[in-house]
Amino acid sequence: MFNGGHGGNVMGISRSRGWDWRGVLDLSASINPLGPSPLVRAAIIEAIECAAHYPEPGAPRLAAALAGRWQIDPAQILTGNGSTELIHFLARAWPQPEVTLAAPAFLEFHRVYPGARLAPFGRLPDTGLAVLSQPNNPTGSAVAFERLREWLLDTSQPVLLDESFIDFSGLPSAVTLTSRCPNLLVLRSLTKFYALPGLRVGALAGHPDLIARLREQRDPWAVNVLGEAAALAALSDREHAERTLQVIAKERIWLWKQLWKIPGLRACPSSANFFLFQMDSPAARLCDWLLERKVVVRDCSGWPGVEGQAVRFAIRTRAENQRFLGLLEEFFCAR
């Protein structure tokens, strides 16, 4: 059965069990293990005064900062209240008669496009909206950029490319192709790499004509003043970003080697900040067992395009990764 709920509900889980959420290791949400930039807290405190006023419509300061980072024009950027809000907005403002999801796909795409077809990237039809993720969620796999670039420049169909986790991967972004591809929209999340999920900040990049049409249908205050201040501070901290990339790259290699030492567990290669592994026994049993030990993971069994029993977990710090591996060894080796 398709497990259609979100991960990352550590507050709700902790409240229902009477736990302090700070004592729960949440591996169901793939967020920067280093947390927000040290600059974020001060930026939020300074911006609190602005909470008594409306935000500037369209968050133009944030759009300008993102345009500078991505080397595109600010007119090519539409900001939003997180990537999920933008997905729902697009389903309303950019309706498509046919939709194909490159499976497996983020559950929210199944929710907004319930009648969508499913196909692997290499067999996407050449009509209708094509939705794909780079890297993929929940597998962490990635398409070679040259192959993706060639396809994007060649196709005339509308494409929504979800790059919510690309900052962790070191892969090139397709945002620079948007000026040449009038029907391409690239979805970016600022909450995962910059560890701001509670503030909800995201953006779309696209051709200026397409973005202009979407902006006409947009609510004026999609990004609040605290979210914009936090995002601007996070974007300015290049040192924190570089340290994050180093930690994720190191831990991803180390975890990959350790996972394959555990019998009964088959890990998928990942370019993101999470891993998906398959197992022969029910994944729900492992998830419940871990939850009793205050560790939350993501049961992906039954997701369209995901085979068999599967679990996704986030890459964290070495100490947290070691704790999780110890529990996996205890569970699988005791059976």
Foldseek 3Di string as FASTA:
>chain_A
DFPQDAFDVLVVLCVVVVHDSVPFAGFAAAAQQVAADPLLVVLLVVLPVVQVDADFFQLQVLLVLVCVVLVHDSLQKGKFQALLVVLLLCCVLVPKPAEEEQPPADSSNCVSCVPYHYDHPVPDDLEIEYEYEAVGPPAQHHDQVVVVVVVQLPHLYAYEYEDAFVLLQPHDDCLVCQQNHQRYKYKYGLCGLNVNNVQGMIMIGHHSVVSVSSSVVDDGRRHGSSRSSSSVSRSVPVVSSVVSNVQQVVQLVVLVVLQVVAPQWAWHRHSGQKIKIAGDDALVVVQVVVVVVSYHWAFRPPRVRDDHTMIMTGHHGPVVSVVVSVSSNVVRVVD
